[in-house]
Amino acid sequence: MRFAEEMRAVSRSLTLAGIIVLIPAEIDTPITTEQKTALGELHLRRINLADRVVVVNRRAHFGESTLREIAYAEAAGKPVTFVGPAYGQA
């Protein structure tokens, strides 16, 4: 999972502010294509449960999965916010 440490930091901050946080699972072993698909679907279910979606990123580039999740959240009427350094900075 990209930006795992940043996601954990945002999760800690939000949790300490009294907000329930649903974060993607960290899987540190190789997974099959089927497992990757299932995890992607599970993450969309997390979005269904969320009041809002916070995207953690250090750059302006978003991967295919993140773009799909942003589109899914927006289509579901979930507010999407972005945290990280200003775009263009590494």
Protein backbone atom coordinates (compact mmCIF):
# COMPACT_ATOMS: atom_id res chain seq x y z
CA MET A 1 0.00 0.00 0.00
CA ARG A 2 1.47 3.31 -1.06
CA PHE A 3 1.74 6.07 1.53
CA ALA A 4 0.99 3.64 4.37
CA GLU A 5 2.80 5.68 7.01
CA GLU A 6 1.02 8.85 5.90
CA MET A 7 -2.33 7.02 6.04
CA ARG A 8 -1.58 5.78 9.55
CA ALA A 9 -0.71 9.33 10.63
CA VAL A 10 -3.96 10.74 9.20
CA SER A 11 -5.87 7.86 10.79
CA ARG A 12 -4.33 8.59 14.21
CA SER A 13 -5.13 12.28 13.93
CA LEU A 14 -8.74 11.70 12.91
CA THR A 15 -9.24 9.00 15.53
CA LEU A 16 -7.94 11.30 18.27
CA ALA A 17 -10.44 13.90 17.02
CA GLY A 18 -13.22 11.38 17.68
CA ILE A 19 -13.77 10.30 14.08
CA ILE A 20 -14.25 6.64 13.16
CA VAL A 21 -11.68 5.75 10.49
CA LEU A 22 -11.90 2.93 7.96
CA ILE A 23 -8.49 2.43 6.37
CA PRO A 24 -7.47 -0.06 3.67
CA ALA A 25 -5.92 -3.26 5.00
CA GLU A 26 -2.15 -3.51 4.85
CA ILE A 27 -1.25 -6.80 3.19
CA ASP A 28 2.49 -7.38 3.20
CA THR A 29 2.55 -10.69 1.37
CA PRO A 30 2.03 -11.40 -2.32
CA ILE A 31 -1.63 -11.79 -3.30
CA THR A 32 -3.39 -13.34 -6.25
CA THR A 33 -5.28 -11.40 -8.88
CA GLU A 34 -8.51 -12.72 -7.40
CA GLN A 35 -7.52 -11.53 -3.93
CA LYS A 36 -6.60 -8.11 -5.30
CA THR A 37 -10.01 -7.85 -6.96
CA ALA A 38 -11.77 -8.94 -3.75
CA LEU A 39 -9.81 -6.40 -1.68
CA GLY A 40 -10.74 -3.67 -4.17
CA GLU A 41 -14.41 -4.54 -3.80
CA LEU A 42 -14.06 -4.63 -0.02
CA HIS A 43 -12.61 -1.13 -0.11
CA LEU A 44 -15.61 0.09 -2.11
CA ARG A 45 -17.84 -1.33 0.65
CA ARG A 46 -15.82 0.75 3.14
CA ILE A 47 -16.62 3.81 1.04
CA ASN A 48 -20.32 2.89 1.25
CA LEU A 49 -20.05 3.01 5.05
CA ALA A 50 -18.13 6.30 5.12
CA ASP A 51 -19.50 9.80 5.63
CA ARG A 52 -16.57 11.18 3.64
CA VAL A 53 -13.42 9.96 1.92
CA VAL A 54 -9.95 11.34 2.67
CA VAL A 55 -7.32 10.67 0.00
CA VAL A 56 -3.73 10.67 1.24
CA ASN A 57 -1.15 11.37 -1.44
CA ARG A 58 2.28 12.96 -1.68
CA ARG A 59 2.06 13.80 -5.37
CA ALA A 60 -0.52 14.91 -7.91
CA HIS A 61 -0.47 11.46 -9.53
CA PHE A 62 -3.20 9.00 -8.56
CA GLY A 63 -3.10 5.34 -9.46
CA GLU A 64 -5.89 3.47 -11.21
CA SER A 65 -7.34 2.10 -7.96
CA THR A 66 -7.40 5.50 -6.27
CA LEU A 67 -9.04 7.14 -9.28
CA ARG A 68 -11.69 4.40 -9.30
CA GLU A 69 -12.33 4.90 -5.57
CA ILE A 70 -12.60 8.69 -5.96
CA ALA A 71 -15.09 8.29 -8.81
CA TYR A 72 -17.06 5.72 -6.81
CA ALA A 73 -17.22 8.00 -3.76
CA GLU A 74 -18.28 11.01 -5.82
CA ALA A 75 -20.96 8.96 -7.61
CA ALA A 76 -22.25 7.88 -4.18
CA GLY A 77 -22.41 11.53 -3.08
CA LYS A 78 -19.55 11.20 -0.58
CA PRO A 79 -17.41 14.29 -0.07
CA VAL A 80 -13.79 13.65 -1.08
CA THR A 81 -10.92 15.60 0.47
CA PHE A 82 -7.19 15.36 -0.21
CA VAL A 83 -4.34 15.56 2.29
CA GLY A 84 -0.61 15.74 1.65
CA PRO A 85 1.99 18.26 0.51
CA ALA A 86 1.10 20.74 -2.19
CA TYR A 87 0.96 19.12 -5.58
CA GLY A 88 4.19 19.27 -7.49
CA GLN A 89 6.29 18.54 -4.41
CA ALA A 90 7.78 15.09 -3.87
